[in-house]
Amino acid sequence: MAPVTNGRVLFNSYLAEGYPEPGKTIVYDTSETIDPDTVSLNGGFLLKTLDYSVDPYMRGRMRPPTAKSYAPPYTIGEPIPSYGVAVVVRSEHPEVKVGNYIYGFLPLQNYVVKSNLEGLQILENPNNLPLSTFLGVLGMPGKTAFMAWREYASAKKGETVFVSTSAGPVGSLVIQIAKLEGLKVIGSAGSDEKVQFMKEIGADVAFNYKTTKTEEILEKEGPIDIYWDNVGGETLEAAIDAARLNARFIECGMISAYNSGYSFPIRNFFQIIGKSLTFHGFVVGRLTAKWDAEFYKTIPPLVASGQIKHKEHVFNGLESAGAAILAVQKGENKGKAIVHAADV
């Protein structure tokens, strides 16, 4: 085979605040070529990448290196890494066979040579689900929902949970897990289309926070025993006001502050004392060793049977990655954001 273009999605500039700009913050590059038949493997294996996940946390890795966080910033001039699914097209590795599907953290580019399976796993797909499923409901977002719920919710049948951004890949699974456990679920999202999806997956109360005041809904439908927080800011403040004694707060994300450079001052934190509230902040990677086996035992069969529902918003071609990243930050995606790099 003659050399082919090895398209790459490069990180191009740090961003202290504001939204990432396709073509400026994130650049699609076609200057590199590769010959899949002859590229040296040195005992490793060659992957053709198929699908990539786009997630809210990626904005935090675009910050300048002086801004400290739990994950390192991206490197200027290098491909952006993300969770991806790829197929093995050549291999010199004894544990990796041609045709295996690989899941894990991969640079956004068409072809990748890897020396080992560090940070990767060979996908088992006994239910023959679409490969992109392993980036959403069966990937990091699904693990985020399942593992943190198991670890922190201490849920009891009949309790009430409020889930913000609950039409997304994390929040929508939280809704469905909570309903399976017999809880009343209140969900919020930013469009009427997303409200309809929340209703379809079982939310008892679903509302558009852009047209309805969160505090009014929670005052009417609460008090709440659990708050799954993807937003922070004013929504978090409203949830504290609506919390019952001994309520649990699961702090998954605070996207309201990701692009503004400004965190809304929570004015009612004193209620943590008076209501004996418990706050759990987490990073899913720290829960994986404990809950990974239980996740794969529990969730894939429910997805395969249709009992757990999910939605995807596919962006075609690596060149669309910048637009996908921006859409997620603005909440414009209508399901789990997937960048489809290539067919098998």
Foldseek 3Di string as FASTA:
>chain_A
DDKDFWKFWFQAAAALFAFDDEVHRIDIDRPDIDDQVDPDQPQWFKWFWFKFFFALCLLVLSHPQVDDDPDHHDDGPFFDKGWTKTATCDGNHPVDDHGFIKTFIDGGIRMDRDNDQVRMDGDDDPLPDPPCCCVFCVHDLVLLQVQLCVVFQPDAAAFEEEEEQLLERNNVVNLLVCVVRHYAYEYEAADVLSQVVSVVSPHPHYYHVVVDPLLVVLVVPDLHQEYEDAAAAPNVLSNLVSHAAAHEYEDEHHLNCSRHSDHHDNPPPVSCVVRVYHYDYDDSVVRCVPCVVVSVVPPPVCVSVVNRDFDEAEDEASSCVSVLNSCNSVVNGRTGYMYGHDDD
